[in-house]
C-alpha cells in the first residue's frame, strides 16, 4: 500500500469513527450491552476461575446472542 493510499484510508476511518457515537443504533447495540456482558462473563473467564471453567460456561460465551460482539465464534469453538 502506498503512503498516499494509507493516508487516505486512515482519514476515511477517522471520519467513520467520528460518526460512531452514543445515540446511534449501531453504537448503542455494541456499547450498550458491554457492561451486561462484562458482568456475566468477567467472573467466569477470570484467571481465578479458568481452571474450573466448564464446557457449558465457555460455550455460552461463544454465541453472539450472549457476547453481543463477536459473531461466528460458535462455529469455530464447537
Protein backbone atom coordinates (compact mmCIF):
# COMPACT_ATOMS: atom_id res chain seq x y z
CA UNK A 1 0.00 0.00 0.00
CA UNK A 2 1.41 3.36 -0.95
CA UNK A 3 1.82 6.15 1.59
CA UNK A 4 -0.89 8.15 -0.18
CA UNK A 5 -3.38 5.27 -0.09
CA UNK A 6 -2.54 4.61 3.54
CA UNK A 7 -3.20 8.24 4.46
CA UNK A 8 -6.50 8.23 2.58
CA UNK A 9 -7.59 5.05 4.35
CA UNK A 10 -6.67 6.43 7.76
CA UNK A 11 -8.56 9.67 7.10
CA UNK A 12 -11.62 7.73 5.94
CA UNK A 13 -11.54 5.56 9.06
CA UNK A 14 -11.22 8.64 11.26
CA UNK A 15 -14.30 10.12 9.58
CA UNK A 16 -16.28 6.95 10.21
CA UNK A 17 -15.12 6.86 13.82
CA UNK A 18 -16.34 10.41 14.39
CA UNK A 19 -19.82 9.31 13.34
CA UNK A 20 -19.80 6.37 15.79
CA UNK A 21 -21.28 7.89 18.93
CA UNK A 22 -23.94 7.41 21.61
CA UNK A 23 -27.50 7.65 20.38
CA UNK A 24 -26.81 5.86 17.12
CA UNK A 25 -28.37 2.42 16.86
CA UNK A 26 -25.18 0.51 16.00
CA UNK A 27 -23.21 2.24 18.77
CA UNK A 28 -25.92 1.58 21.35
CA UNK A 29 -26.20 -2.07 20.28
CA UNK A 30 -22.47 -2.65 20.63
CA UNK A 31 -21.54 -0.49 23.59
CA UNK A 32 -24.86 -0.58 25.42
CA UNK A 33 -24.60 -4.28 26.20
CA UNK A 34 -20.93 -4.16 27.20
CA UNK A 35 -21.48 -3.86 30.95
CA UNK A 36 -24.07 -6.63 30.93
CA UNK A 37 -21.66 -8.96 29.12
CA UNK A 38 -18.76 -7.97 31.40
CA UNK A 39 -20.87 -8.62 34.49
CA UNK A 40 -21.83 -12.06 33.26
CA UNK A 41 -18.55 -13.28 31.76
CA UNK A 42 -15.73 -11.44 33.55
CA UNK A 43 -16.01 -13.68 36.65
CA UNK A 44 -16.35 -16.83 34.54
CA UNK A 45 -13.37 -16.02 32.30
CA UNK A 46 -11.18 -14.61 35.07
CA UNK A 47 -7.77 -16.20 35.69
CA UNK A 48 -9.03 -17.44 39.06
CA UNK A 49 -11.93 -19.35 37.50
CA UNK A 50 -10.42 -20.55 34.23
CA UNK A 51 -9.06 -23.72 35.81
CA UNK A 52 -12.62 -24.74 36.72
CA UNK A 53 -14.33 -23.35 33.61
CA UNK A 54 -16.99 -25.74 32.36
CA UNK A 55 -17.73 -26.55 28.75
CA UNK A 56 -21.22 -25.03 29.09
CA UNK A 57 -19.85 -21.78 30.54
CA UNK A 58 -17.36 -21.40 27.72
CA UNK A 59 -19.79 -22.48 25.01
CA UNK A 60 -22.38 -19.94 26.14
CA UNK A 61 -19.84 -17.14 25.65
CA UNK A 62 -19.26 -18.18 22.03
CA UNK A 63 -22.78 -17.29 20.93
CA UNK A 64 -23.39 -13.77 19.62
CA UNK A 65 -26.69 -13.72 21.50
CA UNK A 66 -24.67 -13.84 24.72
CA UNK A 67 -21.45 -11.96 23.97
CA UNK A 68 -23.17 -9.31 21.79
CA UNK A 69 -19.96 -8.57 19.95
CA UNK A 70 -18.34 -11.43 18.05
CA UNK A 71 -20.38 -13.33 15.54
CA UNK A 72 -19.23 -16.69 14.28
CA UNK A 73 -17.20 -17.77 17.31
CA UNK A 74 -19.57 -20.64 17.96
CA UNK A 75 -18.72 -22.10 14.55
CA UNK A 76 -15.03 -22.27 15.47
CA UNK A 77 -15.45 -23.22 19.13
CA UNK A 78 -17.94 -26.02 18.77
